[in-house]
PDB file of N, CA and C in Angstrom:
ATOM      1  N   ILE A   1      32.024  16.705   7.989  1.00  0.00           N
ATOM      2  CA  ILE A   1      31.828  17.321   9.292  1.00  0.00           C
ATOM      3  C   ILE A   1      33.182  17.571   9.954  1.00  0.00           C
ATOM      4  N   ALA A   2      34.103  16.661   9.789  1.00  0.00           N
ATOM      5  CA  ALA A   2      35.415  16.828  10.418  1.00  0.00           C
ATOM      6  C   ALA A   2      36.132  18.066   9.894  1.00  0.00           C
ATOM      7  N   LYS A   3      36.040  18.320   8.572  1.00  0.00           N
ATOM      8  CA  LYS A   3      36.669  19.508   7.996  1.00  0.00           C
ATOM      9  C   LYS A   3      36.011  20.778   8.519  1.00  0.00           C
ATOM     10  N   ALA A   4      34.683  20.739   8.654  1.00  0.00           N
ATOM     11  CA  ALA A   4      33.961  21.897   9.182  1.00  0.00           C
ATOM     12  C   ALA A   4      34.386  22.188  10.618  1.00  0.00           C
ATOM     13  N   GLU A   5      34.575  21.149  11.399  1.00  0.00           N
ATOM     14  CA  GLU A   5      35.009  21.337  12.783  1.00  0.00           C
ATOM     15  C   GLU A   5      36.403  21.967  12.828  1.00  0.00           C
ATOM     16  N   VAL A   6      37.297  21.500  11.977  1.00  0.00           N
ATOM     17  CA  VAL A   6      38.656  22.056  11.934  1.00  0.00           C
ATOM     18  C   VAL A   6      38.604  23.533  11.556  1.00  0.00           C
ATOM     19  N   MET A   7      37.788  23.867  10.552  1.00  0.00           N
ATOM     20  CA  MET A   7      37.669  25.263  10.139  1.00  0.00           C
ATOM     21  C   MET A   7      37.063  26.124  11.248  1.00  0.00           C
ATOM     22  N   PHE A   8      36.051  25.621  11.916  1.00  0.00           N
ATOM     23  CA  PHE A   8      35.414  26.363  13.007  1.00  0.00           C
ATOM     24  C   PHE A   8      36.398  26.601  14.146  1.00  0.00           C
ATOM     25  N   ARG A   9      37.111  25.562  14.532  1.00  0.00           N
ATOM     26  CA  ARG A   9      38.089  25.716  15.618  1.00  0.00           C
ATOM     27  C   ARG A   9      39.210  26.687  15.234  1.00  0.00           C
ATOM     28  N   ALA A  10      39.632  26.630  13.991  1.00  0.00           N
ATOM     29  CA  ALA A  10      40.672  27.558  13.522  1.00  0.00           C
ATOM     30  C   ALA A  10      40.165  28.998  13.572  1.00  0.00           C
ATOM     31  N   SER A  11      38.906  29.201  13.194  1.00  0.00           N
ATOM     32  CA  SER A  11      38.366  30.560  13.237  1.00  0.00           C
ATOM     33  C   SER A  11      38.235  31.055  14.676  1.00  0.00           C
ATOM     34  N   MET A  12      37.871  30.161  15.591  1.00  0.00           N
ATOM     35  CA  MET A  12      37.784  30.550  17.003  1.00  0.00           C
ATOM     36  C   MET A  12      39.176  30.853  17.571  1.00  0.00           C
ATOM     37  N   ASP A  13      40.159  30.072  17.164  1.00  0.00           N
ATOM     38  CA  ASP A  13      41.541  30.353  17.586  1.00  0.00           C
ATOM     39  C   ASP A  13      41.996  31.705  17.058  1.00  0.00           C
ATOM     40  N   TRP A  14      41.679  31.996  15.795  1.00  0.00           N
ATOM     41  CA  TRP A  14      42.056  33.285  15.217  1.00  0.00           C
ATOM     42  C   TRP A  14      41.395  34.439  15.969  1.00  0.00           C
ATOM     43  N   ARG A  15      40.094  34.285  16.279  1.00  0.00           N
ATOM     44  CA  ARG A  15      39.387  35.333  17.036  1.00  0.00           C
ATOM     45  C   ARG A  15      40.082  35.610  18.357  1.00  0.00           C
ATOM     46  N   ARG A  16      40.485  34.556  19.028  1.00  0.00           N
ATOM     47  CA  ARG A  16      41.142  34.706  20.328  1.00  0.00           C
ATOM     48  C   ARG A  16      42.530  35.332  20.162  1.00  0.00           C
ATOM     49  N   GLN A  17      43.300  34.863  19.212  1.00  0.00           N
ATOM     50  CA  GLN A  17      44.652  35.392  18.994  1.00  0.00           C
ATOM     51  C   GLN A  17      44.625  36.841  18.514  1.00  0.00           C
ATOM     52  N   PHE A  18      43.686  37.189  17.663  1.00  0.00           N
ATOM     53  CA  PHE A  18      43.577  38.541  17.132  1.00  0.00           C
ATOM     54  C   PHE A  18      42.896  39.480  18.125  1.00  0.00           C
ATOM     55  N   ASP A  19      42.299  38.910  19.176  1.00  0.00           N
ATOM     56  CA  ASP A  19      41.615  39.677  20.224  1.00  0.00           C
ATOM     57  C   ASP A  19      40.439  40.460  19.638  1.00  0.00           C
ATOM     58  N   VAL A  20      39.641  39.769  18.858  1.00  0.00           N
ATOM     59  CA  VAL A  20      38.547  40.393  18.121  1.00  0.00           C
ATOM     60  C   VAL A  20      37.589  41.140  19.041  1.00  0.00           C
ATOM     61  N   ASP A  21      37.151  40.531  20.115  1.00  0.00           N
ATOM     62  CA  ASP A  21      36.144  41.157  20.970  1.00  0.00           C
ATOM     63  C   ASP A  21      36.628  42.489  21.548  1.00  0.00           C
ATOM     64  N   ASN A  22      37.850  42.525  22.042  1.00  0.00           N
ATOM     65  CA  ASN A  22      38.382  43.776  22.599  1.00  0.00           C
ATOM     66  C   ASN A  22      38.614  44.824  21.521  1.00  0.00           C
ATOM     67  N   LYS A  23      39.081  44.412  20.351  1.00  0.00           N
ATOM     68  CA  LYS A  23      39.319  45.364  19.269  1.00  0.00           C
ATOM     69  C   LYS A  23      38.007  45.954  18.756  1.00  0.00           C
ATOM     70  N   ILE A  24      36.971  45.135  18.686  1.00  0.00           N
ATOM     71  CA  ILE A  24      35.667  45.634  18.257  1.00  0.00           C
ATOM     72  C   ILE A  24      35.120  46.626  19.274  1.00  0.00           C
ATOM     73  N   CYS A  25      35.270  46.301  20.536  1.00  0.00           N
ATOM     74  CA  CYS A  25      34.798  47.198  21.594  1.00  0.00           C
ATOM     75  C   CYS A  25      35.517  48.546  21.520  1.00  0.00           C
ATOM     76  N   ALA A  26      36.827  48.507  21.366  1.00  0.00           N
ATOM     77  CA  ALA A  26      37.607  49.741  21.265  1.00  0.00           C
ATOM     78  C   ALA A  26      37.218  50.520  20.007  1.00  0.00           C
ATOM     79  N   TRP A  27      36.995  49.817  18.897  1.00  0.00           N
ATOM     80  CA  TRP A  27      36.616  50.488  17.658  1.00  0.00           C
ATOM     81  C   TRP A  27      35.248  51.138  17.782  1.00  0.00           C
ATOM     82  N   ARG A  28      34.303  50.452  18.428  1.00  0.00           N
ATOM     83  CA  ARG A  28      32.963  51.015  18.615  1.00  0.00           C
ATOM     84  C   ARG A  28      33.063  52.347  19.368  1.00  0.00           C
ATOM     85  N   ASP A  29      33.864  52.367  20.433  1.00  0.00           N
ATOM     86  CA  ASP A  29      34.045  53.594  21.205  1.00  0.00           C
ATOM     87  C   ASP A  29      34.701  54.684  20.359  1.00  0.00           C
ATOM     88  N   GLU A  30      35.725  54.306  19.604  1.00  0.00           N
ATOM     89  CA  GLU A  30      36.430  55.260  18.746  1.00  0.00           C
ATOM     90  C   GLU A  30      35.497  55.826  17.678  1.00  0.00           C
ATOM     91  N   LEU A  31      34.704  54.963  17.066  1.00  0.00           N
ATOM     92  CA  LEU A  31      33.785  55.378  16.008  1.00  0.00           C
ATOM     93  C   LEU A  31      32.699  56.297  16.562  1.00  0.00           C
ATOM     94  N   GLN A  32      32.165  55.947  17.731  1.00  0.00           N
ATOM     95  CA  GLN A  32      31.113  56.778  18.326  1.00  0.00           C
ATOM     96  C   GLN A  32      31.650  58.141  18.744  1.00  0.00           C
ATOM     97  N   ALA A  33      32.883  58.185  19.247  1.00  0.00           N
ATOM     98  CA  ALA A  33      33.481  59.461  19.630  1.00  0.00           C
ATOM     99  C   ALA A  33      33.742  60.308  18.389  1.00  0.00           C
ATOM    100  N   GLY A  34      34.159  59.674  17.307  1.00  0.00           N
ATOM    101  CA  GLY A  34      34.348  60.343  16.030  1.00  0.00           C
ATOM    102  C   GLY A  34      35.423  61.413  16.004  1.00  0.00           C
ATOM    103  N   VAL A  35      36.457  61.264  16.820  1.00  0.00           N
ATOM    104  CA  VAL A  35      37.493  62.300  16.868  1.00  0.00           C
ATOM    105  C   VAL A  35      38.779  61.899  16.160  1.00  0.00           C
ATOM    106  N   THR A  36      39.029  60.616  15.982  1.00  0.00           N
ATOM    107  CA  THR A  36      40.249  60.200  15.302  1.00  0.00           C
ATOM    108  C   THR A  36      40.082  60.356  13.797  1.00  0.00           C
ATOM    109  N   ARG A  37      41.190  60.452  13.111  1.00  0.00           N
ATOM    110  CA  ARG A  37      41.163  60.618  11.653  1.00  0.00           C
ATOM    111  C   ARG A  37      40.445  59.451  10.983  1.00  0.00           C
ATOM    112  N   ARG A  38      40.773  58.223  11.414  1.00  0.00           N
ATOM    113  CA  ARG A  38      40.170  57.073  10.742  1.00  0.00           C
ATOM    114  C   ARG A  38      38.677  56.963  11.043  1.00  0.00           C
ATOM    115  N   ALA A  39      38.248  57.321  12.250  1.00  0.00           N
ATOM    116  CA  ALA A  39      36.815  57.306  12.560  1.00  0.00           C
ATOM    117  C   ALA A  39      36.077  58.337  11.717  1.00  0.00           C
ATOM    118  N   LYS A  40      36.667  59.509  11.558  1.00  0.00           N
ATOM    119  CA  LYS A  40      36.055  60.546  10.720  1.00  0.00           C
ATOM    120  C   LYS A  40      35.942  60.080   9.275  1.00  0.00           C
ATOM    121  N   LEU A  41      36.986  59.422   8.770  1.00  0.00           N
ATOM    122  CA  LEU A  41      36.959  58.932   7.389  1.00  0.00           C
ATOM    123  C   LEU A  41      35.894  57.861   7.191  1.00  0.00           C
ATOM    124  N   VAL A  42      35.803  56.923   8.128  1.00  0.00           N
ATOM    125  CA  VAL A  42      34.802  55.856   8.010  1.00  0.00           C
ATOM    126  C   VAL A  42      33.398  56.444   8.077  1.00  0.00           C
ATOM    127  N   ARG A  43      33.192  57.405   8.969  1.00  0.00           N
ATOM    128  CA  ARG A  43      31.872  58.028   9.079  1.00  0.00           C
ATOM    129  C   ARG A  43      31.537  58.839   7.831  1.00  0.00           C
ATOM    130  N   ALA A  44      32.529  59.520   7.269  1.00  0.00           N
ATOM    131  CA  ALA A  44      32.280  60.369   6.101  1.00  0.00           C
ATOM    132  C   ALA A  44      32.136  59.574   4.809  1.00  0.00           C
ATOM    133  N   TYR A  45      32.937  58.525   4.665  1.00  0.00           N
ATOM    134  CA  TYR A  45      32.982  57.803   3.390  1.00  0.00           C
ATOM    135  C   TYR A  45      32.490  56.364   3.470  1.00  0.00           C
ATOM    136  N   GLY A  46      31.891  55.992   4.588  1.00  0.00           N
ATOM    137  CA  GLY A  46      31.334  54.649   4.705  1.00  0.00           C
ATOM    138  C   GLY A  46      30.227  54.447   3.682  1.00  0.00           C
ATOM    139  N   THR A  47      30.064  53.255   3.236  1.00  0.00           N
ATOM    140  CA  THR A  47      29.102  52.990   2.163  1.00  0.00           C
ATOM    141  C   THR A  47      27.862  52.266   2.647  1.00  0.00           C
ATOM    142  N   ASP A  48      27.712  52.113   3.953  1.00  0.00           N
ATOM    143  CA  ASP A  48      26.528  51.440   4.465  1.00  0.00           C
ATOM    144  C   ASP A  48      25.934  52.248   5.609  1.00  0.00           C
ATOM    145  N   ALA A  49      24.604  52.140   5.733  1.00  0.00           N
ATOM    146  CA  ALA A  49      23.899  52.868   6.784  1.00  0.00           C
ATOM    147  C   ALA A  49      22.606  52.143   7.121  1.00  0.00           C
ATOM    148  N   GLU A  50      22.217  52.238   8.365  1.00  0.00           N
ATOM    149  CA  GLU A  50      20.934  51.707   8.799  1.00  0.00           C
ATOM    150  C   GLU A  50      19.877  52.741   8.433  1.00  0.00           C
ATOM    151  N   VAL A  51      18.840  52.313   7.695  1.00  0.00           N
ATOM    152  CA  VAL A  51      17.847  53.273   7.228  1.00  0.00           C
ATOM    153  C   VAL A  51      16.517  53.214   7.976  1.00  0.00           C
ATOM    154  N   CYS A  52      16.164  52.043   8.493  1.00  0.00           N
ATOM    155  CA  CYS A  52      14.916  51.916   9.239  1.00  0.00           C
ATOM    156  C   CYS A  52      14.876  50.529   9.891  1.00  0.00           C
ATOM    157  N   LEU A  53      13.786  50.228  10.559  1.00  0.00           N
ATOM    158  CA  LEU A  53      13.556  48.894  11.116  1.00  0.00           C
ATOM    159  C   LEU A  53      12.416  48.240  10.346  1.00  0.00           C
ATOM    160  N   ASP A  54      12.523  46.921  10.133  1.00  0.00           N
ATOM    161  CA  ASP A  54      11.427  46.220   9.464  1.00  0.00           C
ATOM    162  C   ASP A  54      10.363  45.849  10.491  1.00  0.00           C
ATOM    163  N   GLU A  55       9.335  45.113  10.071  1.00  0.00           N
ATOM    164  CA  GLU A  55       8.232  44.792  10.979  1.00  0.00           C
ATOM    165  C   GLU A  55       8.652  43.886  12.138  1.00  0.00           C
ATOM    166  N   ALA A  56       9.758  43.176  12.001  1.00  0.00           N
ATOM    167  CA  ALA A  56      10.261  42.333  13.090  1.00  0.00           C
ATOM    168  C   ALA A  56      11.217  43.103  14.010  1.00  0.00           C
ATOM    169  N   GLY A  57      11.433  44.373  13.697  1.00  0.00           N
ATOM    170  CA  GLY A  57      12.325  45.177  14.514  1.00  0.00           C
ATOM    171  C   GLY A  57      13.790  45.057  14.139  1.00  0.00           C
ATOM    172  N   LEU A  58      14.057  44.462  12.984  1.00  0.00           N
ATOM    173  CA  LEU A  58      15.441  44.325  12.525  1.00  0.00           C
ATOM    174  C   LEU A  58      15.831  45.525  11.675  1.00  0.00           C
ATOM    175  N   PRO A  59      17.073  45.982  11.837  1.00  0.00           N
ATOM    176  CA  PRO A  59      17.496  47.110  11.010  1.00  0.00           C
ATOM    177  C   PRO A  59      17.620  46.720   9.545  1.00  0.00           C
ATOM    178  N   VAL A  60      17.218  47.633   8.699  1.00  0.00           N
ATOM    179  CA  VAL A  60      17.377  47.485   7.250  1.00  0.00           C
ATOM    180  C   VAL A  60      18.565  48.349   6.870  1.00  0.00           C
ATOM    181  N   TRP A  61      19.539  47.716   6.222  1.00  0.00           N
ATOM    182  CA  TRP A  61      20.773  48.400   5.866  1.00  0.00           C
ATOM    183  C   TRP A  61      20.794  48.712   4.390  1.00  0.00           C
ATOM    184  N   LEU A  62      21.268  49.901   4.067  1.00  0.00           N
ATOM    185  CA  LEU A  62      21.526  50.283   2.693  1.00  0.00           C
ATOM    186  C   LEU A  62      23.033  50.196   2.501  1.00  0.00           C
ATOM    187  N   MET A  63      23.451  49.368   1.563  1.00  0.00           N
ATOM    188  CA  MET A  63      24.874  49.199   1.279  1.00  0.00           C
ATOM    189  C   MET A  63      25.126  49.644  -0.146  1.00  0.00           C
ATOM    190  N   ARG A  64      25.812  50.768  -0.286  1.00  0.00           N
ATOM    191  CA  ARG A  64      26.067  51.366  -1.592  1.00  0.00           C
ATOM    192  C   ARG A  64      27.440  50.917  -2.096  1.00  0.00           C
ATOM    193  N   ILE A  65      27.514  49.693  -2.524  1.00  0.00           N
ATOM    194  CA  ILE A  65      28.771  49.095  -2.961  1.00  0.00           C
ATOM    195  C   ILE A  65      29.334  49.821  -4.188  1.00  0.00           C
ATOM    196  N   GLY A  66      28.466  50.281  -5.062  1.00  0.00           N
ATOM    197  CA  GLY A  66      28.902  50.923  -6.294  1.00  0.00           C
ATOM    198  C   GLY A  66      29.689  52.209  -6.083  1.00  0.00           C
ATOM    199  N   VAL A  67      29.510  52.871  -4.929  1.00  0.00           N
ATOM    200  CA  VAL A  67      30.229  54.119  -4.674  1.00  0.00           C
ATOM    201  C   VAL A  67      31.405  53.923  -3.721  1.00  0.00           C
ATOM    202  N   SER A  68      31.682  52.689  -3.381  1.00  0.00           N
ATOM    203  CA  SER A  68      32.764  52.429  -2.432  1.00  0.00           C
ATOM    204  C   SER A  68      34.126  52.537  -3.110  1.00  0.00           C
ATOM    205  N   ASP A  69      35.117  52.821  -2.292  1.00  0.00           N
ATOM    206  CA  ASP A  69      36.502  52.892  -2.760  1.00  0.00           C
ATOM    207  C   ASP A  69      37.357  52.096  -1.769  1.00  0.00           C
ATOM    208  N   PRO A  70      37.281  50.754  -1.847  1.00  0.00           N
ATOM    209  CA  PRO A  70      38.001  49.947  -0.862  1.00  0.00           C
ATOM    210  C   PRO A  70      39.502  50.184  -0.887  1.00  0.00           C
ATOM    211  N   ALA A  71      40.070  50.417  -2.055  1.00  0.00           N
ATOM    212  CA  ALA A  71      41.517  50.674  -2.124  1.00  0.00           C
ATOM    213  C   ALA A  71      41.855  51.983  -1.428  1.00  0.00           C
ATOM    214  N   GLY A  72      41.018  52.995  -1.599  1.00  0.00           N
ATOM    215  CA  GLY A  72      41.240  54.268  -0.928  1.00  0.00           C
ATOM    216  C   GLY A  72      41.099  54.151   0.578  1.00  0.00           C
ATOM    217  N   MET A  73      40.080  53.432   1.034  1.00  0.00           N
ATOM    218  CA  MET A  73      39.905  53.238   2.483  1.00  0.00           C
ATOM    219  C   MET A  73      41.073  52.447   3.053  1.00  0.00           C
ATOM    220  N   LEU A  74      41.509  51.440   2.334  1.00  0.00           N
ATOM    221  CA  LEU A  74      42.656  50.654   2.776  1.00  0.00           C
ATOM    222  C   LEU A  74      43.884  51.541   2.913  1.00  0.00           C
ATOM    223  N   ARG A  75      44.109  52.380   1.942  1.00  0.00           N
ATOM    224  CA  ARG A  75      45.253  53.286   1.957  1.00  0.00           C
ATOM    225  C   ARG A  75      45.147  54.287   3.113  1.00  0.00           C
ATOM    226  N   GLU A  76      43.952  54.809   3.357  1.00  0.00           N
ATOM    227  CA  GLU A  76      43.777  55.888   4.329  1.00  0.00           C
ATOM    228  C   GLU A  76      43.678  55.421   5.776  1.00  0.00           C
ATOM    229  N   ILE A  77      43.028  54.280   6.019  1.00  0.00           N
ATOM    230  CA  ILE A  77      42.861  53.858   7.417  1.00  0.00           C
ATOM    231  C   ILE A  77      43.634  52.589   7.760  1.00  0.00           C
ATOM    232  N   GLY A  78      44.094  51.862   6.768  1.00  0.00           N
ATOM    233  CA  GLY A  78      44.892  50.669   7.019  1.00  0.00           C
ATOM    234  C   GLY A  78      44.079  49.393   7.031  1.00  0.00           C
ATOM    235  N   GLN A  79      44.781  48.298   6.834  1.00  0.00           N
ATOM    236  CA  GLN A  79      44.142  46.983   6.713  1.00  0.00           C
ATOM    237  C   GLN A  79      43.452  46.556   8.000  1.00  0.00           C
ATOM    238  N   GLU A  80      44.129  46.731   9.132  1.00  0.00           N
ATOM    239  CA  GLU A  80      43.532  46.260  10.385  1.00  0.00           C
ATOM    240  C   GLU A  80      42.270  47.041  10.730  1.00  0.00           C
ATOM    241  N   ALA A  81      42.287  48.350  10.559  1.00  0.00           N
ATOM    242  CA  ALA A  81      41.093  49.154  10.858  1.00  0.00           C
ATOM    243  C   ALA A  81      39.947  48.783   9.924  1.00  0.00           C
ATOM    244  N   LEU A  82      40.247  48.546   8.659  1.00  0.00           N
ATOM    245  CA  LEU A  82      39.219  48.143   7.710  1.00  0.00           C
ATOM    246  C   LEU A  82      38.626  46.789   8.093  1.00  0.00           C
ATOM    247  N   LEU A  83      39.477  45.863   8.493  1.00  0.00           N
ATOM    248  CA  LEU A  83      39.016  44.551   8.944  1.00  0.00           C
ATOM    249  C   LEU A  83      38.165  44.671  10.202  1.00  0.00           C
ATOM    250  N   ILE A  84      38.630  45.439  11.167  1.00  0.00           N
ATOM    251  CA  ILE A  84      37.894  45.582  12.426  1.00  0.00           C
ATOM    252  C   ILE A  84      36.546  46.258  12.180  1.00  0.00           C
ATOM    253  N   ASN A  85      36.513  47.248  11.292  1.00  0.00           N
ATOM    254  CA  ASN A  85      35.240  47.891  10.972  1.00  0.00           C
ATOM    255  C   ASN A  85      34.269  46.888  10.352  1.00  0.00           C
ATOM    256  N   SER A  86      34.751  46.046   9.454  1.00  0.00           N
ATOM    257  CA  SER A  86      33.893  45.020   8.853  1.00  0.00           C
ATOM    258  C   SER A  86      33.398  44.026   9.899  1.00  0.00           C
ATOM    259  N   LEU A  87      34.295  43.598  10.769  1.00  0.00           N
ATOM    260  CA  LEU A  87      33.902  42.678  11.842  1.00  0.00           C
ATOM    261  C   LEU A  87      32.880  43.329  12.762  1.00  0.00           C
ATOM    262  N   TYR A  88      33.096  44.598  13.082  1.00  0.00           N
ATOM    263  CA  TYR A  88      32.169  45.346  13.938  1.00  0.00           C
ATOM    264  C   TYR A  88      30.782  45.364  13.318  1.00  0.00           C
ATOM    265  N   ARG A  89      30.691  45.672  12.028  1.00  0.00           N
ATOM    266  CA  ARG A  89      29.394  45.717  11.349  1.00  0.00           C
ATOM    267  C   ARG A  89      28.703  44.349  11.384  1.00  0.00           C
ATOM    268  N   MET A  90      29.455  43.287  11.108  1.00  0.00           N
ATOM    269  CA  MET A  90      28.863  41.945  11.125  1.00  0.00           C
ATOM    270  C   MET A  90      28.405  41.557  12.529  1.00  0.00           C
ATOM    271  N   GLU A  91      29.209  41.867  13.540  1.00  0.00           N
ATOM    272  CA  GLU A  91      28.839  41.539  14.923  1.00  0.00           C
ATOM    273  C   GLU A  91      27.568  42.283  15.329  1.00  0.00           C
ATOM    274  N   GLU A  92      27.455  43.540  14.920  1.00  0.00           N
ATOM    275  CA  GLU A  92      26.250  44.324  15.234  1.00  0.00           C
ATOM    276  C   GLU A  92      25.023  43.717  14.560  1.00  0.00           C
ATOM    277  N   MET A  93      25.170  43.319  13.303  1.00  0.00           N
ATOM    278  CA  MET A  93      24.043  42.705  12.597  1.00  0.00           C
ATOM    279  C   MET A  93      23.616  41.400  13.263  1.00  0.00           C
ATOM    280  N   HIS A  94      24.585  40.581  13.653  1.00  0.00           N
ATOM    281  CA  HIS A  94      24.260  39.325  14.333  1.00  0.00           C
ATOM    282  C   HIS A  94      23.595  39.573  15.679  1.00  0.00           C
ATOM    283  N   ALA A  95      24.052  40.581  16.417  1.00  0.00           N
ATOM    284  CA  ALA A  95      23.438  40.915  17.713  1.00  0.00           C
ATOM    285  C   ALA A  95      21.987  41.338  17.515  1.00  0.00           C
ATOM    286  N   ASN A  96      21.725  42.133  16.483  1.00  0.00           N
ATOM    287  CA  ASN A  96      20.345  42.539  16.191  1.00  0.00           C
ATOM    288  C   ASN A  96      19.474  41.336  15.844  1.00  0.00           C
ATOM    289  N   LEU A  97      20.017  40.414  15.073  1.00  0.00           N
ATOM    290  CA  LEU A  97      19.270  39.203  14.727  1.00  0.00           C
ATOM    291  C   LEU A  97      18.955  38.368  15.962  1.00  0.00           C
ATOM    292  N   ARG A  98      19.940  38.220  16.855  1.00  0.00           N
ATOM    293  CA  ARG A  98      19.710  37.445  18.078  1.00  0.00           C
ATOM    294  C   ARG A  98      18.634  38.101  18.942  1.00  0.00           C
ATOM    295  N   ARG A  99      18.700  39.439  19.097  1.00  0.00           N
ATOM    296  CA  ARG A  99      17.683  40.140  19.902  1.00  0.00           C
ATOM    297  C   ARG A  99      16.296  39.951  19.310  1.00  0.00           C
ATOM    298  N   ALA A 100      16.173  40.071  17.996  1.00  0.00           N
ATOM    299  CA  ALA A 100      14.877  39.911  17.351  1.00  0.00           C
ATOM    300  C   ALA A 100      14.377  38.478  17.478  1.00  0.00           C
ATOM    301  N   MET A 101      15.263  37.523  17.402  1.00  0.00           N
ATOM    302  CA  MET A 101      14.881  36.109  17.492  1.00  0.00           C
ATOM    303  C   MET A 101      14.256  35.834  18.861  1.00  0.00           C
ATOM    304  N   PHE A 102      14.820  36.383  19.918  1.00  0.00           N
ATOM    305  CA  PHE A 102      14.298  36.112  21.259  1.00  0.00           C
ATOM    306  C   PHE A 102      13.110  36.998  21.600  1.00  0.00           C
ATOM    307  N   ARG A 103      12.936  38.080  20.864  1.00  0.00           N
ATOM    308  CA  ARG A 103      11.811  38.983  21.086  1.00  0.00           C
ATOM    309  C   ARG A 103      10.541  38.418  20.472  1.00  0.00           C
ATOM    310  N   ASN A 104      10.676  37.729  19.344  1.00  0.00           N
ATOM    311  CA  ASN A 104       9.496  37.230  18.623  1.00  0.00           C
ATOM    312  C   ASN A 104       9.230  35.787  18.891  1.00  0.00           C
TER     313      ASN A 104
END
């Protein structure tokens, strides 16, 4: 348990130092606007999409890992943008899970 606590606290410190919440918010706005080069690339070549909602109201995601080109995305949009996009996707999925949990 002590090791888990150290890891959890370190991850929370990293989130705060990296300013995850603000970067995700800015990325969401950038992605929705779709005018920057990196937003256009992620929208055009992203390998995951929400396809429908299940009976609990949770989004069902299709993730086409086999057609992904992580090295190309890394080269084209950069490491930080790729990381923030991944964090954004995970945060959105967790938010959907929390909403469904309190709805049902």
